[in-house]
Amino acid sequence: MLAIRLAKVACVAAVALYMSLVAFNNITDYWTNFTFVAHVLDMDQISPQSDIRWRAITSPVLHHAGYVLIIATEICIAGLTAAGAAAMARGLRAKAAAFQQSKSLAIIGLALGFLLYEGGFIAVGGEWFGMWQSQSWDGVPSAFRFVVTMLAVLIFISMKDDELA
């Protein structure tokens, strides 16, 4: 059904738009989210009694390196999902197998997005650096929203498509 294919293209395009805006905001308002990354890595907002504070990374150079890596990954996700949406749009009326193949870049971009937010923010930031313990700098709920969105779109577009009538 063409409507399902259009919905898949639109969902991937929406993720591409969102990730483009996230990356753009992180570049143009660098210091706001850099402060977030620095506090998470410094672990200065978690309980002073926490036994995991030895994991803190207090080097500003490493804070910048980590933040730049996050931004670079967001740019890759935006690019891959935008290119994936375009490829899917070009193959909209193609045979089912060809349309399925056109999803490759989108699938890679969505998987990378899932890995950034689940692996980077929830696992590393949330658990390793104890971000969940911070009242001010807990990004786990926001990261979870990204994870669920990426995963839902990834599952939706990965579903096989029937031949068009």
C-alpha atoms as a PDB file:
ATOM      1  CA  MET A   1       0.000   0.000   0.000  1.00  0.00           C
ATOM      2  CA  LEU A   2       1.393   3.368  -1.054  1.00  0.00           C
ATOM      3  CA  ALA A   3       0.104   5.093   2.093  1.00  0.00           C
ATOM      4  CA  ILE A   4       2.249   2.855   4.299  1.00  0.00           C
ATOM      5  CA  ARG A   5       5.311   3.578   2.189  1.00  0.00           C
ATOM      6  CA  LEU A   6       4.599   7.310   2.394  1.00  0.00           C
ATOM      7  CA  ALA A   7       4.191   7.026   6.159  1.00  0.00           C
ATOM      8  CA  LYS A   8       7.570   5.301   6.405  1.00  0.00           C
ATOM      9  CA  VAL A   9       9.269   8.010   4.353  1.00  0.00           C
ATOM     10  CA  ALA A  10       7.604  10.715   6.456  1.00  0.00           C
ATOM     11  CA  CYS A  11       8.660   9.091   9.744  1.00  0.00           C
ATOM     12  CA  VAL A  12      12.293   8.842   8.633  1.00  0.00           C
ATOM     13  CA  ALA A  13      12.193  12.411   7.304  1.00  0.00           C
ATOM     14  CA  ALA A  14      10.809  13.610  10.651  1.00  0.00           C
ATOM     15  CA  VAL A  15      13.701  11.941  12.489  1.00  0.00           C
ATOM     16  CA  ALA A  16      16.135  13.539  10.023  1.00  0.00           C
ATOM     17  CA  LEU A  17      14.607  16.953  10.659  1.00  0.00           C
ATOM     18  CA  TYR A  18      14.681  16.481  14.407  1.00  0.00           C
ATOM     19  CA  MET A  19      18.281  15.287  14.478  1.00  0.00           C
ATOM     20  CA  SER A  20      19.290  18.142  12.159  1.00  0.00           C
ATOM     21  CA  LEU A  21      17.772  20.604  14.605  1.00  0.00           C
ATOM     22  CA  VAL A  22      19.425  18.896  17.581  1.00  0.00           C
ATOM     23  CA  ALA A  23      22.842  19.052  15.893  1.00  0.00           C
ATOM     24  CA  PHE A  24      22.257  22.630  14.701  1.00  0.00           C
ATOM     25  CA  ASN A  25      21.272  23.733  18.213  1.00  0.00           C
ATOM     26  CA  ASN A  26      24.272  21.985  19.752  1.00  0.00           C
ATOM     27  CA  ILE A  27      26.559  23.811  17.318  1.00  0.00           C
ATOM     28  CA  THR A  28      24.947  27.250  17.483  1.00  0.00           C
ATOM     29  CA  ASP A  29      24.302  27.110  21.245  1.00  0.00           C
ATOM     30  CA  TYR A  30      27.432  25.119  22.031  1.00  0.00           C
ATOM     31  CA  TRP A  31      27.926  26.199  25.626  1.00  0.00           C
ATOM     32  CA  THR A  32      24.458  25.316  26.913  1.00  0.00           C
ATOM     33  CA  ASN A  33      24.702  21.581  26.266  1.00  0.00           C
ATOM     34  CA  PHE A  34      28.466  21.572  26.734  1.00  0.00           C
ATOM     35  CA  THR A  35      27.743  22.566  30.330  1.00  0.00           C
ATOM     36  CA  PHE A  36      25.463  19.545  30.611  1.00  0.00           C
ATOM     37  CA  VAL A  37      28.156  17.200  29.260  1.00  0.00           C
ATOM     38  CA  ALA A  38      30.805  18.724  31.553  1.00  0.00           C
ATOM     39  CA  HIS A  39      28.635  18.275  34.664  1.00  0.00           C
ATOM     40  CA  VAL A  40      27.819  14.676  33.749  1.00  0.00           C
ATOM     41  CA  LEU A  41      31.480  13.795  33.146  1.00  0.00           C
ATOM     42  CA  ASP A  42      32.639  15.756  36.223  1.00  0.00           C
ATOM     43  CA  MET A  43      30.034  13.900  38.295  1.00  0.00           C
ATOM     44  CA  ASP A  44      29.874  17.036  40.430  1.00  0.00           C
ATOM     45  CA  GLN A  45      26.098  16.929  40.811  1.00  0.00           C
ATOM     46  CA  ILE A  46      25.746  13.413  42.217  1.00  0.00           C
ATOM     47  CA  SER A  47      25.781  12.516  45.884  1.00  0.00           C
ATOM     48  CA  PRO A  48      29.168  13.207  47.514  1.00  0.00           C
ATOM     49  CA  GLN A  49      28.781   9.842  49.283  1.00  0.00           C
ATOM     50  CA  SER A  50      28.503   7.951  45.990  1.00  0.00           C
ATOM     51  CA  ASP A  51      31.154   5.253  45.608  1.00  0.00           C
ATOM     52  CA  ILE A  52      31.311   5.735  41.833  1.00  0.00           C
ATOM     53  CA  ARG A  53      32.722   9.277  41.871  1.00  0.00           C
ATOM     54  CA  TRP A  54      36.173   7.868  41.007  1.00  0.00           C
ATOM     55  CA  ARG A  55      34.876   7.464  37.444  1.00  0.00           C
ATOM     56  CA  ALA A  56      34.680  11.239  36.918  1.00  0.00           C
ATOM     57  CA  ILE A  57      36.484  12.778  33.969  1.00  0.00           C
ATOM     58  CA  THR A  58      37.441  16.298  34.957  1.00  0.00           C
ATOM     59  CA  SER A  59      39.531  17.312  31.946  1.00  0.00           C
ATOM     60  CA  PRO A  60      37.920  20.154  29.941  1.00  0.00           C
ATOM     61  CA  VAL A  61      39.743  18.862  26.855  1.00  0.00           C
ATOM     62  CA  LEU A  62      38.011  15.492  27.242  1.00  0.00           C
ATOM     63  CA  HIS A  63      34.689  17.254  27.908  1.00  0.00           C
ATOM     64  CA  HIS A  64      35.021  19.074  24.583  1.00  0.00           C
ATOM     65  CA  ALA A  65      36.140  15.890  22.808  1.00  0.00           C
ATOM     66  CA  GLY A  66      33.130  13.987  24.136  1.00  0.00           C
ATOM     67  CA  TYR A  67      30.730  16.760  23.196  1.00  0.00           C
ATOM     68  CA  VAL A  68      32.192  17.110  19.700  1.00  0.00           C
ATOM     69  CA  LEU A  69      31.850  13.334  19.265  1.00  0.00           C
ATOM     70  CA  ILE A  70      28.188  13.573  20.282  1.00  0.00           C
ATOM     71  CA  ILE A  71      27.579  16.408  17.797  1.00  0.00           C
ATOM     72  CA  ALA A  72      29.429  14.562  15.018  1.00  0.00           C
ATOM     73  CA  THR A  73      27.296  11.477  15.668  1.00  0.00           C
ATOM     74  CA  GLU A  74      24.123  13.576  15.586  1.00  0.00           C
ATOM     75  CA  ILE A  75      25.212  15.035  12.238  1.00  0.00           C
ATOM     76  CA  CYS A  76      25.805  11.507  10.911  1.00  0.00           C
ATOM     77  CA  ILE A  77      22.377  10.398  12.121  1.00  0.00           C
ATOM     78  CA  ALA A  78      20.747  13.434  10.495  1.00  0.00           C
ATOM     79  CA  GLY A  79      22.608  12.841   7.235  1.00  0.00           C
ATOM     80  CA  LEU A  80      21.940   9.125   7.112  1.00  0.00           C
ATOM     81  CA  THR A  81      18.239   9.482   7.886  1.00  0.00           C
ATOM     82  CA  ALA A  82      17.839  12.367   5.408  1.00  0.00           C
ATOM     83  CA  ALA A  83      19.611  10.367   2.702  1.00  0.00           C
ATOM     84  CA  GLY A  84      17.557   7.331   3.693  1.00  0.00           C
ATOM     85  CA  ALA A  85      14.278   9.248   3.444  1.00  0.00           C
ATOM     86  CA  ALA A  86      15.323  10.564   0.025  1.00  0.00           C
ATOM     87  CA  ALA A  87      16.258   7.075  -1.179  1.00  0.00           C
ATOM     88  CA  MET A  88      12.962   5.709   0.080  1.00  0.00           C
ATOM     89  CA  ALA A  89      11.060   8.548  -1.611  1.00  0.00           C
ATOM     90  CA  ARG A  90      12.830   7.811  -4.902  1.00  0.00           C
ATOM     91  CA  GLY A  91      11.845   4.149  -4.582  1.00  0.00           C
ATOM     92  CA  LEU A  92       8.295   4.818  -3.461  1.00  0.00           C
ATOM     93  CA  ARG A  93       6.692   3.118  -6.470  1.00  0.00           C
ATOM     94  CA  ALA A  94       9.376   0.470  -6.918  1.00  0.00           C
ATOM     95  CA  LYS A  95       8.941  -3.265  -6.474  1.00  0.00           C
ATOM     96  CA  ALA A  96       8.717  -4.363  -2.839  1.00  0.00           C
ATOM     97  CA  ALA A  97      12.269  -5.786  -2.789  1.00  0.00           C
ATOM     98  CA  ALA A  98      13.716  -2.585  -4.263  1.00  0.00           C
ATOM     99  CA  PHE A  99      11.823  -0.431  -1.773  1.00  0.00           C
ATOM    100  CA  GLN A 100      13.069  -2.641   1.043  1.00  0.00           C
ATOM    101  CA  GLN A 101      16.630  -2.124  -0.203  1.00  0.00           C
ATOM    102  CA  SER A 102      16.109   1.647  -0.327  1.00  0.00           C
ATOM    103  CA  LYS A 103      15.699   1.635   3.461  1.00  0.00           C
ATOM    104  CA  SER A 104      19.351   0.750   4.156  1.00  0.00           C
ATOM    105  CA  LEU A 105      20.662   4.237   4.954  1.00  0.00           C
ATOM    106  CA  ALA A 106      17.634   5.033   7.076  1.00  0.00           C
ATOM    107  CA  ILE A 107      18.080   1.791   9.017  1.00  0.00           C
ATOM    108  CA  ILE A 108      21.772   2.560   9.620  1.00  0.00           C
ATOM    109  CA  GLY A 109      20.942   6.116  10.733  1.00  0.00           C
ATOM    110  CA  LEU A 110      18.174   5.001  13.076  1.00  0.00           C
ATOM    111  CA  ALA A 111      20.359   2.252  14.546  1.00  0.00           C
ATOM    112  CA  LEU A 112      23.150   4.780  15.099  1.00  0.00           C
ATOM    113  CA  GLY A 113      20.649   7.069  16.817  1.00  0.00           C
ATOM    114  CA  PHE A 114      19.507   4.248  19.057  1.00  0.00           C
ATOM    115  CA  LEU A 115      23.134   3.431  19.913  1.00  0.00           C
ATOM    116  CA  LEU A 116      24.006   7.064  20.693  1.00  0.00           C
ATOM    117  CA  TYR A 117      21.117   7.552  23.081  1.00  0.00           C
ATOM    118  CA  GLU A 118      20.870   4.051  24.587  1.00  0.00           C
ATOM    119  CA  GLY A 119      24.585   3.295  24.661  1.00  0.00           C
ATOM    120  CA  GLY A 120      25.958   6.803  25.082  1.00  0.00           C
ATOM    121  CA  PHE A 121      23.442   8.644  27.208  1.00  0.00           C
ATOM    122  CA  ILE A 122      21.548   5.943  29.104  1.00  0.00           C
ATOM    123  CA  ALA A 123      24.313   3.358  29.602  1.00  0.00           C
ATOM    124  CA  VAL A 124      27.472   5.473  29.768  1.00  0.00           C
ATOM    125  CA  GLY A 125      26.036   8.785  30.982  1.00  0.00           C
ATOM    126  CA  GLY A 126      23.235   7.362  33.090  1.00  0.00           C
ATOM    127  CA  GLU A 127      24.899   4.356  34.653  1.00  0.00           C
ATOM    128  CA  TRP A 128      28.672   4.771  34.354  1.00  0.00           C
ATOM    129  CA  PHE A 129      28.697   8.460  35.264  1.00  0.00           C
ATOM    130  CA  GLY A 130      25.627   8.236  37.519  1.00  0.00           C
ATOM    131  CA  MET A 131      23.711  10.918  35.627  1.00  0.00           C
ATOM    132  CA  TRP A 132      20.442   9.550  37.029  1.00  0.00           C
ATOM    133  CA  GLN A 133      21.585  10.633  40.514  1.00  0.00           C
ATOM    134  CA  SER A 134      21.674  14.313  39.559  1.00  0.00           C
ATOM    135  CA  GLN A 135      18.653  16.505  40.228  1.00  0.00           C
ATOM    136  CA  SER A 136      19.773  19.101  37.665  1.00  0.00           C
ATOM    137  CA  TRP A 137      21.611  17.120  34.992  1.00  0.00           C
ATOM    138  CA  ASP A 138      19.651  13.872  34.603  1.00  0.00           C
ATOM    139  CA  GLY A 139      19.296  13.398  30.856  1.00  0.00           C
ATOM    140  CA  VAL A 140      18.077   9.789  31.071  1.00  0.00           C
ATOM    141  CA  PRO A 141      14.356  10.628  30.580  1.00  0.00           C
ATOM    142  CA  SER A 142      15.143  12.761  27.522  1.00  0.00           C
ATOM    143  CA  ALA A 143      17.475  10.101  26.128  1.00  0.00           C
ATOM    144  CA  PHE A 144      14.750   7.510  26.659  1.00  0.00           C
ATOM    145  CA  ARG A 145      12.378   9.548  24.475  1.00  0.00           C
ATOM    146  CA  PHE A 146      15.008   9.524  21.712  1.00  0.00           C
ATOM    147  CA  VAL A 147      15.535   5.773  22.136  1.00  0.00           C
ATOM    148  CA  VAL A 148      11.837   4.960  21.916  1.00  0.00           C
ATOM    149  CA  THR A 149      11.359   7.199  18.877  1.00  0.00           C
ATOM    150  CA  MET A 150      14.369   5.775  17.037  1.00  0.00           C
ATOM    151  CA  LEU A 151      13.396   2.209  17.855  1.00  0.00           C
ATOM    152  CA  ALA A 152       9.733   2.672  16.926  1.00  0.00           C
ATOM    153  CA  VAL A 153      10.602   4.182  13.538  1.00  0.00           C
ATOM    154  CA  LEU A 154      13.279   1.535  12.993  1.00  0.00           C
ATOM    155  CA  ILE A 155      10.784  -1.264  13.642  1.00  0.00           C
ATOM    156  CA  PHE A 156       8.112   0.394  11.499  1.00  0.00           C
ATOM    157  CA  ILE A 157      10.288   0.937   8.458  1.00  0.00           C
ATOM    158  CA  SER A 158      11.931  -2.478   8.758  1.00  0.00           C
ATOM    159  CA  MET A 159       8.613  -4.188   8.236  1.00  0.00           C
ATOM    160  CA  LYS A 160       8.395  -5.758   4.796  1.00  0.00           C
ATOM    161  CA  ASP A 161       6.276  -3.978   2.229  1.00  0.00           C
ATOM    162  CA  ASP A 162       3.854  -5.633  -0.168  1.00  0.00           C
ATOM    163  CA  GLU A 163       3.890  -5.040  -3.890  1.00  0.00           C
ATOM    164  CA  LEU A 164       1.847  -2.029  -4.939  1.00  0.00           C
ATOM    165  CA  ALA A 165      -1.466  -2.758  -6.596  1.00  0.00           C
END
